[in-house]
């Protein structure tokens, strides 16, 4: 896959973070400033507000939330729940009989739960989403009828739901600002038309009114269209209501509006009219929840995902340890240690059998001088190669030297005509050792893309050691992903006859999505999580 390289000093290019300037809002918009403590509400699975579809039954155990759960195992059996809040948790059982379900929020597939466990676990948190926008949402969970090879059935259970609400003062300012002022400017247009009867005596009208507003009125130029802005000026001066207030509106008021007391009114309306500009801005970019995330909160292996499944087991001659990182806990790999999940237990990680799109992301602090593997489903065994997708770094053989790399494969074997697979993207930036960086690889069914610290910099065409010339970022690859399940590993991969590409360093927040995140989403991920530099 890659050869060992000599250490050489390199100039480190420092990436300047892009400043994201939020559009200015109206004075009364400290709506995002204060948030109250989260409130939590638990809804039992038997609550009438949960709508079940298909064949669901009740089974009881005192270890459940209220002594029982609802369960189904037929494909397409589902339940839905409408709620208002910023987060939702699903509680249920993990058992040898549990299968796989799909999670949708507001109609969008956000994850899959494989609730299999070798022994019963009651009232377990099967899924959690805590980054929803405040407001109304709908949760839908559907049984797929699928299960892992180790499971004895495909049961889906619901014990309870927990709704999380983080109070934030809603943005009430937009309706306050613009809507009132336009309505006022429209009404003056009809009012001048019925009042032209005094207009023949307009010359006399200024003379009886010694107030400053009529005296400038003899100078107007006949421009009736601006009259809406001036209609506000007569209203503050009601003393001349008999005719002086009506006469400015047909034609002369264009001149007074800049000179007399009317000038404050026009200055207010322009500030209101631009306020719709913030509304087109989409605000924060929504990054979907991954289908799996490891935060390494356990004292040691096995390390489970944040929803308690897909346990990564210890492998290799040395032992992985957990350490504190800027992102919570992380796993430290000394160079002869890695984590593995058997290919029969990868479940939803086998994205090649589904939509065929994927993203792998991790915060990486590397300390080695050689090629390393971060995470993915990638096996190069000579007897049964099962390559699919994998996040690497420093693959020098085919143009990825000192760069982040993302490997993809459809066949599972080497690229046709080559001893190895040459199909990977390489970041346009070189990485930095002993510094935390966000490594991301995406594949959308057409091309693989490598990101470092939230940016995908184009790279190529590149001529590798064997004379092959190709674009490396993005890397065109329309073939798709291998649907055959393979071992999922972190920190090393199975090579032809032995384990290799051992990583040295620390990983945090290892994640997999069953979709290709967009460039905007990867950038938002980095901006949200990057450490604060003192």
Protein backbone atom coordinates (compact mmCIF):
# COMPACT_ATOMS: atom_id res chain seq x y z
CA UNK A 1 0.00 0.00 0.00
CA UNK A 2 2.67 2.46 1.00
CA UNK A 3 6.37 2.52 1.73
CA UNK A 4 8.15 3.85 4.80
CA UNK A 5 9.57 7.29 4.32
CA UNK A 6 12.44 9.17 5.86
CA UNK A 7 11.73 12.03 8.16
CA UNK A 8 12.14 15.36 6.56
CA UNK A 9 11.33 18.80 7.81
CA UNK A 10 8.67 20.62 5.95
CA UNK A 11 7.39 24.14 6.04
CA UNK A 12 3.98 24.03 7.62
CA UNK A 13 1.36 26.04 5.80
CA UNK A 14 -0.95 27.71 8.24
CA UNK A 15 -4.53 27.86 7.03
CA UNK A 16 -6.27 31.11 7.82
CA UNK A 17 -9.76 30.43 9.12
CA UNK A 18 -12.49 31.99 7.07
CA UNK A 19 -14.48 34.52 9.01
CA UNK A 20 -18.16 33.99 8.80
CA UNK A 21 -19.98 37.24 9.33
CA UNK A 22 -23.58 36.92 10.40
CA UNK A 23 -25.92 39.47 8.83
CA UNK A 24 -26.74 42.41 11.06
CA UNK A 25 -30.15 42.24 12.66
CA UNK A 26 -32.54 44.79 14.05
CA UNK A 27 -31.94 46.33 17.44
CA UNK A 28 -34.46 44.12 19.23
CA UNK A 29 -32.80 40.84 18.31
CA UNK A 30 -30.89 39.49 21.28
CA UNK A 31 -33.09 36.47 20.64
CA UNK A 32 -30.23 34.00 20.43
CA UNK A 33 -28.33 35.42 23.36
CA UNK A 34 -30.01 33.72 26.29
CA UNK A 35 -30.82 30.05 26.56
CA UNK A 36 -32.40 28.47 29.59
CA UNK A 37 -31.48 25.15 31.15
CA UNK A 38 -32.78 22.18 29.18
CA UNK A 39 -36.04 20.59 30.25
CA UNK A 40 -36.57 16.86 29.86
CA UNK A 41 -39.89 15.04 29.50
CA UNK A 42 -40.29 11.26 29.30
CA UNK A 43 -43.16 9.63 27.39
CA UNK A 44 -43.89 5.96 28.03
CA UNK A 45 -44.14 3.66 25.04
CA UNK A 46 -47.81 2.98 25.82
CA UNK A 47 -48.73 6.67 25.73
CA UNK A 48 -51.65 7.39 23.40
CA UNK A 49 -49.74 10.22 21.72
CA UNK A 50 -47.45 7.67 20.03
CA UNK A 51 -48.99 6.43 16.77
CA UNK A 52 -48.20 2.81 15.93
CA UNK A 53 -48.56 1.24 12.49
CA UNK A 54 -48.39 -2.49 11.80
CA UNK A 55 -48.34 -5.33 14.28
CA UNK A 56 -47.00 -4.27 17.69
CA UNK A 57 -47.23 -6.25 20.93
CA UNK A 58 -46.46 -5.65 24.58
CA UNK A 59 -43.99 -7.62 26.65
CA UNK A 60 -43.27 -6.99 30.31
CA UNK A 61 -40.23 -6.86 32.55
CA UNK A 62 -39.80 -4.88 35.74
CA UNK A 63 -36.47 -3.56 34.42
CA UNK A 64 -38.28 -1.62 31.67
CA UNK A 65 -39.25 2.04 32.14
CA UNK A 66 -42.79 1.35 33.36
CA UNK A 67 -42.49 -2.41 33.43
CA UNK A 68 -43.11 -3.09 29.73
CA UNK A 69 -42.09 -2.34 26.13
CA UNK A 70 -43.79 -2.39 22.75
CA UNK A 71 -42.13 -4.56 20.11
CA UNK A 72 -42.51 -5.59 16.46
CA UNK A 73 -40.41 -7.61 14.04
CA UNK A 74 -42.26 -7.33 10.73
CA UNK A 75 -40.74 -5.09 8.09
CA UNK A 76 -42.42 -1.67 7.78
CA UNK A 77 -43.98 -1.78 11.25
CA UNK A 78 -43.45 1.73 12.58
CA UNK A 79 -44.31 4.31 15.18
CA UNK A 80 -44.43 8.10 15.01
CA UNK A 81 -44.41 10.82 17.62
CA UNK A 82 -44.94 14.56 17.20
CA UNK A 83 -43.09 16.75 19.66
CA UNK A 84 -41.76 20.24 20.25
CA UNK A 85 -38.19 20.51 21.42
CA UNK A 86 -34.54 20.48 20.44
CA UNK A 87 -33.76 16.82 21.05
CA UNK A 88 -35.16 13.31 21.33
CA UNK A 89 -33.98 10.04 22.88
CA UNK A 90 -35.27 6.57 22.11
CA UNK A 91 -35.20 4.02 24.93
CA UNK A 92 -35.64 0.31 24.35
CA UNK A 93 -34.08 -3.09 24.79
CA UNK A 94 -30.85 -4.48 23.37
CA UNK A 95 -31.21 -8.24 23.14
CA UNK A 96 -30.06 -11.30 21.15
CA UNK A 97 -33.44 -11.05 19.36
CA UNK A 98 -33.09 -7.41 18.32
CA UNK A 99 -32.78 -6.27 14.71
CA UNK A 100 -32.33 -3.09 12.71
CA UNK A 101 -34.63 -0.07 12.47
CA UNK A 102 -34.48 3.22 10.56
CA UNK A 103 -34.79 6.60 12.26
CA UNK A 104 -36.37 9.57 10.53
CA UNK A 105 -36.81 13.08 11.86
CA UNK A 106 -39.20 15.30 9.92
CA UNK A 107 -39.23 12.70 7.14
CA UNK A 108 -35.43 12.64 6.70
CA UNK A 109 -33.49 9.44 7.36
CA UNK A 110 -30.98 10.32 10.08
CA UNK A 111 -29.77 6.94 11.25
CA UNK A 112 -30.17 3.19 11.64
CA UNK A 113 -30.24 1.32 14.92
CA UNK A 114 -28.89 -2.19 15.23
CA UNK A 115 -30.10 -3.09 18.73
CA UNK A 116 -28.50 -6.52 18.85
CA UNK A 117 -26.62 -7.41 22.03
CA UNK A 118 -25.37 -10.83 23.15
CA UNK A 119 -27.32 -10.45 26.42
CA UNK A 120 -30.37 -8.43 27.47
CA UNK A 121 -29.93 -4.73 28.26
CA UNK A 122 -33.10 -3.01 29.49
CA UNK A 123 -34.10 0.65 29.20
CA UNK A 124 -31.07 1.35 27.00
CA UNK A 125 -30.65 4.57 25.02
CA UNK A 126 -30.93 3.31 21.44
CA UNK A 127 -30.67 6.69 19.72
CA UNK A 128 -30.18 10.33 20.65
CA UNK A 129 -30.43 13.56 18.67
CA UNK A 130 -29.86 16.82 20.57
CA UNK A 131 -29.17 19.39 17.86
CA UNK A 132 -32.64 20.01 16.44
CA UNK A 133 -33.88 23.52 15.81
CA UNK A 134 -36.46 24.70 18.36
CA UNK A 135 -40.01 23.96 17.26
CA UNK A 136 -42.25 21.13 16.11
CA UNK A 137 -40.75 17.87 14.86
CA UNK A 138 -41.89 14.36 13.98
CA UNK A 139 -39.96 11.22 14.90
CA UNK A 140 -40.66 8.07 12.89
CA UNK A 141 -39.03 4.70 13.57
CA UNK A 142 -39.52 1.86 11.08
CA UNK A 143 -38.62 -1.80 11.44
CA UNK A 144 -36.58 -3.01 8.47
CA UNK A 145 -37.00 -6.73 9.09
CA UNK A 146 -33.21 -6.95 8.86
CA UNK A 147 -30.75 -8.15 11.47
CA UNK A 148 -27.07 -8.82 11.97
CA UNK A 149 -25.80 -12.34 11.43
CA UNK A 150 -25.43 -12.84 15.17
CA UNK A 151 -29.03 -11.85 15.98
CA UNK A 152 -31.74 -14.49 16.38
CA UNK A 153 -34.61 -12.25 15.26
CA UNK A 154 -35.32 -8.74 13.96
CA UNK A 155 -37.27 -7.29 16.91
CA UNK A 156 -37.63 -3.53 17.29
CA UNK A 157 -38.61 -2.25 20.74
CA UNK A 158 -39.85 0.99 22.25
CA UNK A 159 -39.70 1.47 26.00
CA UNK A 160 -39.96 5.27 26.24
CA UNK A 161 -39.12 8.54 24.52
CA UNK A 162 -37.37 11.49 26.12
CA UNK A 163 -38.00 14.96 24.68
CA UNK A 164 -35.33 17.57 25.37
CA UNK A 165 -36.09 21.28 25.15
CA UNK A 166 -33.46 23.99 25.40
CA UNK A 167 -35.28 27.29 25.82
CA UNK A 168 -34.23 30.11 23.51
CA UNK A 169 -36.06 33.36 22.97
CA UNK A 170 -37.51 33.01 19.49
CA UNK A 171 -36.73 35.52 16.79
CA UNK A 172 -39.79 37.68 17.16
CA UNK A 173 -38.05 40.66 15.60
CA UNK A 174 -38.63 39.87 11.92
CA UNK A 175 -42.43 40.22 12.10
CA UNK A 176 -42.13 43.40 14.17
CA UNK A 177 -39.76 45.25 11.87
CA UNK A 178 -40.94 45.22 8.28
CA UNK A 179 -44.61 44.50 8.15
CA UNK A 180 -46.02 47.59 9.83
CA UNK A 181 -44.18 50.21 7.80
CA UNK A 182 -45.13 49.02 4.31
CA UNK A 183 -48.81 48.96 5.23
CA UNK A 184 -48.62 52.59 6.31
CA UNK A 185 -46.99 53.70 3.09
CA UNK A 186 -49.64 52.11 0.91
CA UNK A 187 -52.62 53.81 2.53
CA UNK A 188 -51.52 57.38 1.72
CA UNK A 189 -51.69 56.77 -2.02
CA UNK A 190 -55.49 56.64 -2.09
CA UNK A 191 -55.93 59.48 0.41
CA UNK A 192 -54.42 62.19 -1.79
CA UNK A 193 -56.74 61.39 -4.67
CA UNK A 194 -60.00 62.21 -2.87
CA UNK A 195 -58.56 65.44 -1.46
CA UNK A 196 -57.64 67.30 -4.65
CA UNK A 197 -60.67 69.53 -4.07
CA UNK A 198 -58.60 71.82 -1.86
CA UNK A 199 -55.74 71.61 -4.36
CA UNK A 200 -56.90 74.68 -6.36
CA UNK A 201 -56.36 76.68 -3.21
CA UNK A 202 -52.96 75.25 -2.54
CA UNK A 203 -51.36 78.67 -2.85
CA UNK A 204 -53.65 79.95 -0.14
CA UNK A 205 -53.11 76.89 2.01
CA UNK A 206 -49.52 77.69 2.93
CA UNK A 207 -50.30 81.29 3.89
CA UNK A 208 -52.83 80.51 6.66
CA UNK A 209 -50.46 78.01 8.16
CA UNK A 210 -47.48 79.89 9.58
CA UNK A 211 -45.95 76.67 10.72
CA UNK A 212 -42.62 75.76 9.09
CA UNK A 213 -44.05 72.84 7.16
CA UNK A 214 -46.32 74.77 4.72
CA UNK A 215 -43.84 77.55 3.94
CA UNK A 216 -41.39 75.25 2.13
CA UNK A 217 -44.22 73.66 0.19
CA UNK A 218 -44.47 76.27 -2.63
CA UNK A 219 -41.10 75.01 -3.97
CA UNK A 220 -42.07 71.45 -4.86
CA UNK A 221 -41.60 69.73 -8.14
CA UNK A 222 -44.52 67.57 -9.18
CA UNK A 223 -43.28 64.11 -8.21
CA UNK A 224 -46.25 62.31 -6.74
CA UNK A 225 -44.67 58.89 -6.46
CA UNK A 226 -42.62 59.59 -3.34
CA UNK A 227 -45.74 60.68 -1.49
CA UNK A 228 -45.94 57.50 0.63
CA UNK A 229 -42.77 58.50 2.47
CA UNK A 230 -44.18 61.93 3.15
CA UNK A 231 -47.55 60.85 4.44
CA UNK A 232 -45.96 60.26 7.80
CA UNK A 233 -45.03 63.97 8.01
CA UNK A 234 -48.55 65.41 7.97
CA UNK A 235 -49.56 63.11 10.81
CA UNK A 236 -47.07 64.57 13.29
CA UNK A 237 -48.36 68.08 12.43
CA UNK A 238 -52.13 67.78 12.86
CA UNK A 239 -52.63 71.50 13.50
CA UNK A 240 -52.94 72.23 9.79
CA UNK A 241 -55.36 69.38 9.19
CA UNK A 242 -57.99 71.45 7.26
CA UNK A 243 -56.07 71.51 4.00
CA UNK A 244 -52.38 71.93 4.62
CA UNK A 245 -51.99 68.31 5.57
CA UNK A 246 -53.77 67.11 2.45
CA UNK A 247 -51.98 69.34 0.00
CA UNK A 248 -48.46 68.14 0.79
CA UNK A 249 -49.38 64.59 -0.10
CA UNK A 250 -50.41 65.08 -3.77
CA UNK A 251 -47.24 66.71 -5.01
CA UNK A 252 -45.25 69.08 -2.86
CA UNK A 253 -44.28 66.79 -0.04
CA UNK A 254 -41.32 65.36 -1.92
CA UNK A 255 -39.42 68.56 -1.13
CA UNK A 256 -40.39 68.86 2.55
CA UNK A 257 -39.51 65.28 3.28
CA UNK A 258 -35.78 65.94 3.11
CA UNK A 259 -35.93 69.42 4.66
CA UNK A 260 -38.56 69.55 7.35
CA UNK A 261 -39.47 67.27 10.24
CA UNK A 262 -40.43 64.60 7.74
CA UNK A 263 -36.78 63.63 7.30
CA UNK A 264 -36.71 61.33 10.37
CA UNK A 265 -39.60 59.31 8.97
CA UNK A 266 -37.91 58.39 5.70
CA UNK A 267 -34.75 57.43 7.56
CA UNK A 268 -36.71 54.91 9.60
CA UNK A 269 -38.40 53.25 6.67
CA UNK A 270 -35.19 52.52 4.75
CA UNK A 271 -33.80 50.70 7.77
CA UNK A 272 -36.93 48.60 7.91
CA UNK A 273 -37.01 47.75 4.24
CA UNK A 274 -33.56 46.12 4.16
CA UNK A 275 -34.45 43.87 7.11
CA UNK A 276 -35.81 41.14 4.84
CA UNK A 277 -32.18 40.66 3.75
CA UNK A 278 -31.37 38.50 6.80
CA UNK A 279 -34.24 36.15 6.02
CA UNK A 280 -32.73 34.80 2.80
CA UNK A 281 -29.60 33.84 4.72
CA UNK A 282 -29.96 30.19 5.68
CA UNK A 283 -28.20 30.66 9.01
CA UNK A 284 -26.17 27.81 10.48
CA UNK A 285 -25.59 24.88 8.15
CA UNK A 286 -27.39 21.75 9.31
CA UNK A 287 -25.00 18.81 9.65
CA UNK A 288 -26.90 15.51 9.85
CA UNK A 289 -26.19 13.08 12.63
CA UNK A 290 -23.74 10.29 11.75
CA UNK A 291 -24.90 6.70 11.66
CA UNK A 292 -22.11 5.85 14.09
CA UNK A 293 -19.84 7.83 16.40
CA UNK A 294 -17.22 6.63 18.85
CA UNK A 295 -16.25 9.04 21.66
CA UNK A 296 -14.13 6.56 23.67
CA UNK A 297 -15.76 7.43 26.99
CA UNK A 298 -15.15 3.94 28.37
CA UNK A 299 -12.14 3.23 30.58
CA UNK A 300 -10.87 0.77 27.97
CA UNK A 301 -11.95 -1.45 25.09
CA UNK A 302 -14.42 -2.45 23.88
CA UNK A 303 -15.45 1.03 22.77
CA UNK A 304 -19.11 1.41 21.77
CA UNK A 305 -20.85 4.08 19.73
CA UNK A 306 -22.77 6.89 21.40
CA UNK A 307 -25.91 4.75 21.08
CA UNK A 308 -24.22 1.78 22.71
CA UNK A 309 -23.56 -0.62 19.84
CA UNK A 310 -20.85 -1.60 17.32
CA UNK A 311 -18.22 -2.41 19.99
CA UNK A 312 -14.64 -1.94 18.80
CA UNK A 313 -12.45 -4.67 20.30
CA UNK A 314 -8.79 -4.42 21.22
CA UNK A 315 -6.35 -5.93 18.70
CA UNK A 316 -2.61 -5.81 18.07
CA UNK A 317 0.44 -6.33 20.26
CA UNK A 318 -0.02 -3.17 22.35
CA UNK A 319 -3.04 -1.83 24.19
CA UNK A 320 -5.01 1.27 23.25
CA UNK A 321 -5.59 3.75 26.06
CA UNK A 322 -7.97 6.67 26.47
CA UNK A 323 -6.79 10.22 27.07
CA UNK A 324 -8.33 13.67 27.46
CA UNK A 325 -8.57 15.72 24.25
CA UNK A 326 -10.08 19.11 23.32
CA UNK A 327 -13.10 17.12 22.07
CA UNK A 328 -13.74 14.94 25.11
CA UNK A 329 -12.06 11.57 25.49
CA UNK A 330 -9.92 10.10 22.71
CA UNK A 331 -8.06 6.87 22.02
CA UNK A 332 -4.26 6.80 21.94
CA UNK A 333 -2.66 4.25 19.62
CA UNK A 334 1.06 3.59 20.20
CA UNK A 335 1.79 2.06 16.78
CA UNK A 336 1.14 -1.66 17.28
CA UNK A 337 -2.41 -1.38 18.49
CA UNK A 338 -5.71 -1.09 16.67
CA UNK A 339 -9.44 -1.61 17.17
CA UNK A 340 -11.64 -3.97 15.17
CA UNK A 341 -15.27 -4.92 14.63
CA UNK A 342 -15.91 -8.31 13.01
CA UNK A 343 -17.34 -8.18 9.51
CA UNK A 344 -20.44 -10.09 10.62
CA UNK A 345 -21.27 -7.33 13.11
CA UNK A 346 -20.70 -4.19 11.02
CA UNK A 347 -24.42 -3.78 10.30
CA UNK A 348 -25.18 -0.26 9.07
CA UNK A 349 -21.49 0.51 8.52
CA UNK A 350 -21.72 -1.54 5.32
CA UNK A 351 -22.92 1.45 3.32
CA UNK A 352 -21.92 -0.22 0.05
CA UNK A 353 -24.95 -2.47 0.45
CA UNK A 354 -27.20 0.58 0.79
CA UNK A 355 -26.99 3.95 -0.89
CA UNK A 356 -23.31 3.60 -1.72
CA UNK A 357 -22.33 7.01 -0.33
CA UNK A 358 -20.23 7.65 2.75
CA UNK A 359 -18.34 10.14 4.90
CA UNK A 360 -15.68 9.30 7.49
CA UNK A 361 -14.41 12.00 9.86
CA UNK A 362 -12.08 12.07 12.86
CA UNK A 363 -9.96 14.50 14.80
CA UNK A 364 -6.38 13.28 14.42
CA UNK A 365 -3.20 14.13 16.27
CA UNK A 366 -0.56 12.02 14.51
CA UNK A 367 2.98 11.47 15.72
CA UNK A 368 4.33 8.94 13.19
CA UNK A 369 6.37 9.41 10.02
CA UNK A 370 4.68 6.71 7.95
CA UNK A 371 1.36 5.93 6.33
CA UNK A 372 -1.46 5.32 8.77
CA UNK A 373 -5.09 4.23 8.80
CA UNK A 374 -7.74 6.20 10.65
CA UNK A 375 -11.02 4.31 10.21
CA UNK A 376 -13.10 2.42 7.69
CA UNK A 377 -14.14 -0.90 6.20
CA UNK A 378 -10.99 -1.93 4.35
CA UNK A 379 -9.34 -5.36 4.12
CA UNK A 380 -6.58 -6.26 1.64
CA UNK A 381 -6.30 -9.94 2.57
CA UNK A 382 -4.82 -11.81 -0.40
CA UNK A 383 -7.23 -14.73 0.07
CA UNK A 384 -10.40 -12.67 0.48
CA UNK A 385 -9.89 -8.95 -0.22
CA UNK A 386 -12.80 -6.81 0.94
CA UNK A 387 -11.89 -3.19 0.35
CA UNK A 388 -14.79 -0.74 0.46
CA UNK A 389 -13.89 2.64 2.04
CA UNK A 390 -11.16 3.89 4.35
CA UNK A 391 -9.71 7.12 5.73
CA UNK A 392 -5.88 7.05 5.54
CA UNK A 393 -3.03 9.52 5.65
CA UNK A 394 0.39 9.72 3.98
CA UNK A 395 -0.13 7.20 1.15
CA UNK A 396 2.93 8.07 -0.91
CA UNK A 397 2.80 5.39 -3.62
CA UNK A 398 0.06 6.93 -5.75
CA UNK A 399 0.30 10.65 -5.01
CA UNK A 400 -0.86 11.00 -1.41
CA UNK A 401 2.45 11.72 0.29
CA UNK A 402 2.06 13.89 3.42
CA UNK A 403 -1.65 14.36 2.72
CA UNK A 404 -5.00 13.14 3.98
CA UNK A 405 -6.33 10.29 1.82
CA UNK A 406 -9.71 8.62 1.26
CA UNK A 407 -9.73 5.17 -0.36
CA UNK A 408 -12.75 3.68 -2.18
CA UNK A 409 -13.28 0.36 -3.94
CA UNK A 410 -16.08 -1.44 -5.74
CA UNK A 411 -14.46 -4.81 -6.43
CA UNK A 412 -12.70 -5.26 -3.10
CA UNK A 413 -9.45 -6.13 -4.87
CA UNK A 414 -6.58 -4.14 -6.40
CA UNK A 415 -7.27 -1.72 -9.22
CA UNK A 416 -7.20 -3.59 -12.52
CA UNK A 417 -3.67 -3.70 -13.92
CA UNK A 418 -2.05 -2.65 -10.62
CA UNK A 419 -0.66 -4.57 -7.65
CA UNK A 420 -2.62 -2.41 -5.20
CA UNK A 421 -5.64 -0.15 -5.22
CA UNK A 422 -4.77 3.26 -6.62
CA UNK A 423 -8.24 4.69 -6.12
CA UNK A 424 -8.02 7.36 -3.46
CA UNK A 425 -8.24 11.11 -3.12
CA UNK A 426 -5.45 13.21 -1.61
CA UNK A 427 -5.94 16.55 0.13
CA UNK A 428 -4.53 19.61 -1.58
CA UNK A 429 -2.95 20.65 1.73
CA UNK A 430 -0.24 18.73 3.54
CA UNK A 431 -1.01 17.72 7.11
CA UNK A 432 0.78 18.84 10.26
CA UNK A 433 2.17 16.38 12.78
CA UNK A 434 1.53 16.78 16.51
CA UNK A 435 -1.32 19.20 15.86
CA UNK A 436 -5.02 18.38 16.07
CA UNK A 437 -6.55 18.39 12.59
CA UNK A 438 -9.94 17.32 11.29
CA UNK A 439 -9.52 14.61 8.62
CA UNK A 440 -12.59 13.97 6.46
CA UNK A 441 -13.20 11.80 3.41
CA UNK A 442 -16.42 11.76 1.39
CA UNK A 443 -17.74 9.69 -1.52
CA UNK A 444 -20.97 10.59 -3.35
CA UNK A 445 -21.04 7.78 -5.92
CA UNK A 446 -19.05 9.80 -8.45
CA UNK A 447 -15.89 11.04 -6.76
CA UNK A 448 -13.89 10.80 -3.56
CA UNK A 449 -12.92 14.03 -1.80
CA UNK A 450 -10.36 14.64 0.95
CA UNK A 451 -10.71 17.49 3.46
CA UNK A 452 -8.27 18.88 6.01
CA UNK A 453 -9.58 21.28 8.66
CA UNK A 454 -12.85 21.86 6.86
CA UNK A 455 -11.41 22.63 3.42
CA UNK A 456 -11.12 20.60 0.24
CA UNK A 457 -8.28 22.07 -1.81
CA UNK A 458 -8.05 20.84 -5.43
CA UNK A 459 -4.99 18.73 -6.17
CA UNK A 460 -3.75 17.42 -9.51
CA UNK A 461 -3.17 16.22 -12.06
CA UNK A 462 -0.46 14.21 -10.29
CA UNK A 463 2.02 11.77 -11.80
CA UNK A 464 2.74 8.94 -9.36
CA UNK A 465 5.81 6.72 -9.01
CA UNK A 466 4.57 4.37 -11.72
CA UNK A 467 3.84 7.04 -14.30
CA UNK A 468 0.08 7.15 -13.74
CA UNK A 469 -1.38 10.64 -14.05
CA UNK A 470 -4.67 11.50 -12.37
CA UNK A 471 -6.57 14.16 -10.51
CA UNK A 472 -6.30 13.46 -6.80
CA UNK A 473 -8.76 15.91 -5.25
CA UNK A 474 -11.44 15.27 -6.11
CA UNK A 475 -10.67 11.77 -7.37
CA UNK A 476 -13.15 10.59 -10.05
CA UNK A 477 -14.56 7.14 -9.24
CA UNK A 478 -18.04 6.38 -10.62
CA UNK A 479 -17.96 2.64 -9.85
CA UNK A 480 -19.59 2.70 -6.40
CA UNK A 481 -18.65 0.90 -3.18
CA UNK A 482 -18.18 -2.78 -2.42
CA UNK A 483 -21.42 -4.17 -0.92
CA UNK A 484 -19.67 -7.14 0.72
CA UNK A 485 -19.26 -6.64 4.48
CA UNK A 486 -15.70 -6.31 5.72
CA UNK A 487 -14.05 -5.84 9.07
CA UNK A 488 -14.33 -2.26 10.34
CA UNK A 489 -11.09 -1.11 11.94
CA UNK A 490 -9.58 1.95 13.60
CA UNK A 491 -5.81 2.48 13.59
CA UNK A 492 -4.67 -0.27 11.17
CA UNK A 493 -5.85 -2.48 8.28
CA UNK A 494 -5.48 -6.07 7.20
CA UNK A 495 -2.83 -6.16 4.49
CA UNK A 496 -2.18 -9.08 2.12
CA UNK A 497 -0.83 -11.39 4.82
CA UNK A 498 -0.46 -9.27 7.95
CA UNK A 499 -1.82 -6.16 9.65
CA UNK A 500 -0.23 -2.88 8.58
CA UNK A 501 -0.60 0.88 8.24
CA UNK A 502 -0.54 1.15 12.04
CA UNK A 503 -1.35 4.66 13.18
CA UNK A 504 0.64 6.40 15.89
CA UNK A 505 -1.15 9.18 17.70
CA UNK A 506 -4.55 10.01 19.14
CA UNK A 507 -8.00 9.94 17.52
CA UNK A 508 -11.17 11.63 18.80
CA UNK A 509 -14.77 11.65 17.61
CA UNK A 510 -14.49 8.96 14.94
CA UNK A 511 -17.67 9.13 12.83
CA UNK A 512 -19.34 7.54 9.81
CA UNK A 513 -22.24 8.90 7.73
CA UNK A 514 -24.15 6.97 5.09
CA UNK A 515 -24.05 10.04 2.84
CA UNK A 516 -21.48 12.38 1.38
CA UNK A 517 -21.42 15.56 3.43
CA UNK A 518 -21.31 18.72 1.35
CA UNK A 519 -18.38 21.12 1.43
CA UNK A 520 -20.51 23.52 3.47
CA UNK A 521 -21.37 20.82 5.99
CA UNK A 522 -17.74 19.75 6.40
CA UNK A 523 -16.76 23.37 6.91
CA UNK A 524 -19.54 23.84 9.47
CA UNK A 525 -18.39 20.71 11.29
CA UNK A 526 -14.87 22.08 11.56
CA UNK A 527 -15.96 25.57 12.62
CA UNK A 528 -18.23 24.15 15.31
CA UNK A 529 -15.66 21.78 16.80
CA UNK A 530 -12.23 23.27 16.25
CA UNK A 531 -10.25 23.99 19.40
CA UNK A 532 -10.02 27.57 20.59
CA UNK A 533 -6.47 28.81 20.13
CA UNK A 534 -5.39 30.94 23.13
